[in-house]
Amino acid sequence: MFENLRRPYIIAEIGVNHGGNIDLAKKLIDLAKEGGANCAKFQSYKAEKIASKNSPAYWDTSKEPTKSQFELFKKYDSFSSNEYEILAEYCNNIGIDFLSTPFDLDAVDFLNPLMKYYKIASADITNIPLLRKVASKGKPILLSIGASYYYEVQQAIHILRKAGATEIIIMHCVLNYPTSNEEAYIGRIAKLRSLFPEFTIGYSDHTLPDEQMLILTSAWLVGASVLEKHFTYDKTLQGNDHYHSMDINDLKKLNSNIEFILKIYGEEGFDENLLNQESARLNARRSIVSSCKIRKGELFTEDNLTCKRPAHGISPIHWDEVIGKKASKDIEDDSILKWSDIN
């Protein structure tokens, strides 16, 4: 599904930035579509199924002050399967892919008819029951690998394949909220491509969006075919994921970068790009030119010939063929040689 993409597949990770409001969730889908995302993504969980009541925060509490994971998840777990069905239909109607990350086995089941593929969060890379359940559906899987050792990635891939997964997309990720620019480590994308050449590689970004969207753009340039970033309608909002999300203007800037790069990238072959350079070939290249007056019957030598622009006569590529031949007529100084000048 994600192979041989000329441009990246962009996922706008709405997550729970809708705050449990279905109309706001639809508004965010509209903004993601308008901004040029390929997919609007949510998160499907229930607090009781994802975290114990003794689950400390691991995010920047100056941005999101909730001290417990359970408390945070409880704030945003009001959607049921019915709301996700509504959102999936809404996405389908406006022409954008729907996706929601399942965080429990029930969510894997009710989301299955709504999605083309699955996303597994970094924190669940060791969750064997969830990995097996997702793989059993036989759909492509985006596997985030934030905070994972190499052997854990290998183990997860082995479990997914054994349980039926046939297409796995490995998503480089740093599991810090937010991630500093210096810790984005996008060089790992190239490393993942070498370690797992049979897989498509993507990038799930948690950095604060920079004005030029250079981090996501750079991730694509070093080989990330799928780009995912949290998405909001207002980056100034306090709490949850708003503070490290991109908005519609950031998303449009990312797509503008991509379009510009594709425009200057052109074709990868050589000969396909020469038609618009024909004038340069004819005028900036050189011809063999007489460096003095040459009499009829005189030998052409390196002393009486030189190479000058334009390329309207015999190309210097034929230099060795011309040297030693005789002039078929008198040739004036600074004349561009033609084949008819050679005996």
Foldseek 3Di string as FASTA:
>chain_A
DLPPDPAFQEEAEQAQLQQQDLVSLLVQLVLCVVLPHQEYEYAADQLVLQDDQPAADQADCVQAVDGHPSVQRNRRNPDDLVSLVVVLVSCVVVRHFYAYAYRDLVCLVSCLVSHQAHEHDQVCLVVLVVLLSRLLSAHEYEYENAPHDPVSNVVSVVSSVVSHHDAYEYEYEHPYQADEPVRLPLVVQLVVCVVCVVHQYAYEHRHAQDPQNVVRLVSVVSGHRYYYFHEHCALPDGHDRSVRGDYSVSSNSSVVSRVVCSVVVPDPDDPVPCPVVVVCLQWVAWAKWFQAKAAFFDFDAPVGIDIDDDNPAHHCVCVVVRGGFGFRHIDHHGGGDHPNRTD
